[in-house]
């Protein structure tokens, strides 16, 4: 069974290599998706793959890299039939 996990991470999560670290972690776990900074200072993650690997990514995002200070993580899960991404991408807030 495949799942899609959407996370919104609040706290000091921009300018601390959160996107790059999350991207590296997701790739190591074999997940696909994207991570990007939001205008309001949060970071959004959309990841797809097996539930147990997504749980590991969520745990990583709840702590973040060394200079991050995660205050809160919102999560949304859904079952999917096939992967909607190829690889794992890091987008800056000005990418469209």
Protein backbone atom coordinates (compact mmCIF):
# COMPACT_ATOMS: atom_id res chain seq x y z
CA UNK A 1 0.00 0.00 0.00
CA UNK A 2 1.29 3.46 -0.91
CA UNK A 3 0.53 6.66 0.95
CA UNK A 4 0.97 10.38 0.50
CA UNK A 5 1.97 12.39 3.57
CA UNK A 6 1.66 16.18 3.60
CA UNK A 7 3.43 18.02 6.41
CA UNK A 8 3.48 21.70 7.35
CA UNK A 9 6.33 22.45 9.72
CA UNK A 10 6.16 25.53 11.97
CA UNK A 11 8.98 27.17 13.92
CA UNK A 12 12.48 28.30 12.97
CA UNK A 13 12.60 26.15 9.85
CA UNK A 14 13.79 28.51 7.11
CA UNK A 15 17.43 29.48 6.69
CA UNK A 16 18.61 26.44 8.70
CA UNK A 17 19.04 23.91 5.85
CA UNK A 18 15.66 22.31 6.60
CA UNK A 19 14.77 21.79 2.92
CA UNK A 20 18.15 20.35 2.00
CA UNK A 21 18.24 18.04 5.04
CA UNK A 22 14.68 16.85 4.46
CA UNK A 23 15.42 16.20 0.80
CA UNK A 24 18.49 14.14 1.68
CA UNK A 25 16.57 12.16 4.32
CA UNK A 26 13.67 11.46 1.95
CA UNK A 27 16.01 10.31 -0.82
CA UNK A 28 17.85 8.02 1.62
CA UNK A 29 14.49 6.50 2.60
CA UNK A 30 13.60 5.98 -1.08
CA UNK A 31 10.64 8.38 -1.01
CA UNK A 32 9.47 10.72 -3.76
CA UNK A 33 7.92 14.16 -3.39
CA UNK A 34 8.94 17.75 -2.71
CA UNK A 35 9.79 20.20 0.05
CA UNK A 36 9.47 23.98 -0.12
CA UNK A 37 9.53 27.14 1.94
CA UNK A 38 6.23 28.97 2.34
CA UNK A 39 5.78 32.74 2.48
CA UNK A 40 4.54 32.56 6.09
CA UNK A 41 7.81 31.08 7.36
CA UNK A 42 6.71 27.43 7.38
CA UNK A 43 8.03 24.53 5.33
CA UNK A 44 5.76 22.18 3.37
CA UNK A 45 6.62 18.57 2.60
CA UNK A 46 4.67 16.27 0.29
CA UNK A 47 6.10 12.76 0.30
CA UNK A 48 4.91 9.48 -1.19
CA UNK A 49 5.84 5.87 -0.50
CA UNK A 50 5.34 3.08 2.04
CA UNK A 51 3.79 4.15 5.35
CA UNK A 52 6.72 3.00 7.51
CA UNK A 53 9.20 5.09 5.47
CA UNK A 54 6.88 8.11 5.63
CA UNK A 55 6.68 7.69 9.41
CA UNK A 56 10.49 7.87 9.52
CA UNK A 57 10.48 11.06 7.46
CA UNK A 58 7.81 12.57 9.74
CA UNK A 59 9.96 11.77 12.78
CA UNK A 60 12.92 13.49 11.10
CA UNK A 61 10.79 16.57 10.35
CA UNK A 62 9.56 16.77 13.94
CA UNK A 63 13.16 17.40 15.02
CA UNK A 64 14.70 18.91 11.89
CA UNK A 65 18.39 19.64 11.30
CA UNK A 66 20.61 20.93 14.15
CA UNK A 67 19.80 24.68 13.84
CA UNK A 68 16.06 24.26 13.36
CA UNK A 69 13.56 24.75 16.16
CA UNK A 70 10.40 22.88 15.24
CA UNK A 71 7.39 24.11 17.20
CA UNK A 72 4.59 22.17 15.53
CA UNK A 73 3.98 19.77 12.63
CA UNK A 74 0.61 19.44 10.91
CA UNK A 75 0.09 16.21 9.00
CA UNK A 76 -2.38 14.83 6.48
CA UNK A 77 -2.37 11.26 5.18
CA UNK A 78 -4.08 9.68 2.20
CA UNK A 79 -3.85 6.37 0.37
CA UNK A 80 -2.71 6.54 -3.24
CA UNK A 81 -2.73 4.01 -6.06
CA UNK A 82 0.49 5.15 -7.72
CA UNK A 83 3.30 7.60 -7.10
CA UNK A 84 2.71 11.10 -8.44
CA UNK A 85 6.34 12.30 -8.24
CA UNK A 86 9.64 11.26 -9.76
CA UNK A 87 12.48 11.75 -7.26
CA UNK A 88 12.46 14.22 -4.38
CA UNK A 89 12.72 17.94 -5.15
CA UNK A 90 13.61 20.97 -3.06
CA UNK A 91 11.87 24.14 -4.19
CA UNK A 92 12.63 27.69 -3.07
CA UNK A 93 9.76 30.00 -2.18
CA UNK A 94 10.13 31.86 -5.48
CA UNK A 95 9.84 28.72 -7.66
CA UNK A 96 6.53 28.20 -9.47
